[in-house]
Amino acid sequence: MAVIKTIDLVGVSTESWRDAAHKALQEAAKTLRGVEGFDVLDTSAVVADGEISEYHTHIRIKFRITR
């Protein structure tokens, strides 16, 4: 029987929402095995002096539990 577990992470980038998602996935891949995909739950940004200073992407990573 297979079980899929999820964790939520927020990636942060000064470049783009896509880069923020990629950074969150890269960090998760350092300790998780069996990553099968992720969903983008939300995007947001920090604004400083009228410009976007940080992009935030909230993702839910799915990985298979193995014995």
Protein backbone atom coordinates (compact mmCIF):
# COMPACT_ATOMS: atom_id res chain seq x y z
CA MET A 1 0.00 0.00 0.00
CA ALA A 2 1.36 3.42 -0.94
CA VAL A 3 1.04 6.53 1.18
CA ILE A 4 1.74 10.05 -0.04
CA LYS A 5 2.74 12.63 2.54
CA THR A 6 2.73 16.40 2.02
CA ILE A 7 4.59 19.32 3.51
CA ASP A 8 4.10 23.02 2.91
CA LEU A 9 7.01 25.36 2.24
CA VAL A 10 7.35 28.98 1.19
CA GLY A 11 10.19 29.73 -1.20
CA VAL A 12 11.65 33.23 -1.34
CA SER A 13 13.39 34.88 -4.30
CA THR A 14 14.38 38.33 -5.46
CA GLU A 15 13.89 37.21 -9.10
CA SER A 16 10.42 35.67 -9.60
CA TRP A 17 7.63 33.48 -8.18
CA ARG A 18 8.89 30.62 -10.35
CA ASP A 19 12.38 30.96 -8.90
CA ALA A 20 10.91 31.03 -5.38
CA ALA A 21 9.08 27.73 -6.05
CA HIS A 22 12.26 26.23 -7.46
CA LYS A 23 14.22 27.24 -4.36
CA ALA A 24 11.63 25.65 -2.05
CA LEU A 25 11.80 22.42 -4.07
CA GLN A 26 15.62 22.44 -4.03
CA GLU A 27 15.64 22.81 -0.25
CA ALA A 28 13.11 20.00 0.23
CA ALA A 29 15.09 17.68 -2.05
CA LYS A 30 18.06 17.92 0.34
CA THR A 31 16.23 15.82 2.94
CA LEU A 32 13.19 14.23 1.26
CA ARG A 33 13.28 11.13 -0.91
CA GLY A 34 10.57 10.17 -3.36
CA VAL A 35 9.34 13.67 -4.22
CA GLU A 36 6.62 13.21 -6.84
CA GLY A 37 5.36 16.74 -7.41
CA PHE A 38 4.00 19.88 -5.85
CA ASP A 39 1.07 22.26 -6.01
CA VAL A 40 1.36 26.03 -5.92
CA LEU A 41 -1.01 27.18 -3.18
CA ASP A 42 -0.35 30.91 -3.14
CA THR A 43 1.96 33.63 -4.36
CA SER A 44 2.71 36.95 -2.71
CA ALA A 45 5.33 39.66 -2.70
CA VAL A 46 7.05 42.12 -0.42
CA VAL A 47 7.10 45.70 -1.68
CA ALA A 48 9.74 48.26 -0.76
CA ASP A 49 9.84 51.78 -2.18
CA GLY A 50 7.10 50.93 -4.68
CA GLU A 51 9.00 47.95 -6.14
CA ILE A 52 8.82 44.20 -5.51
CA SER A 53 11.74 43.29 -3.27
CA GLU A 54 10.85 39.63 -2.62
CA TYR A 55 8.66 37.05 -4.32
CA HIS A 56 7.10 34.37 -2.08
CA THR A 57 5.63 31.12 -3.42
CA HIS A 58 3.75 28.79 -1.06
CA ILE A 59 3.96 25.19 -2.31
CA ARG A 60 2.71 21.81 -1.08
CA ILE A 61 5.26 19.11 -1.85
CA LYS A 62 4.09 15.49 -2.29
CA PHE A 63 6.37 12.57 -1.54
CA ARG A 64 5.91 8.85 -1.22
CA ILE A 65 6.45 7.17 2.16
CA THR A 66 8.74 4.13 1.79
CA ARG A 67 9.81 1.46 4.23
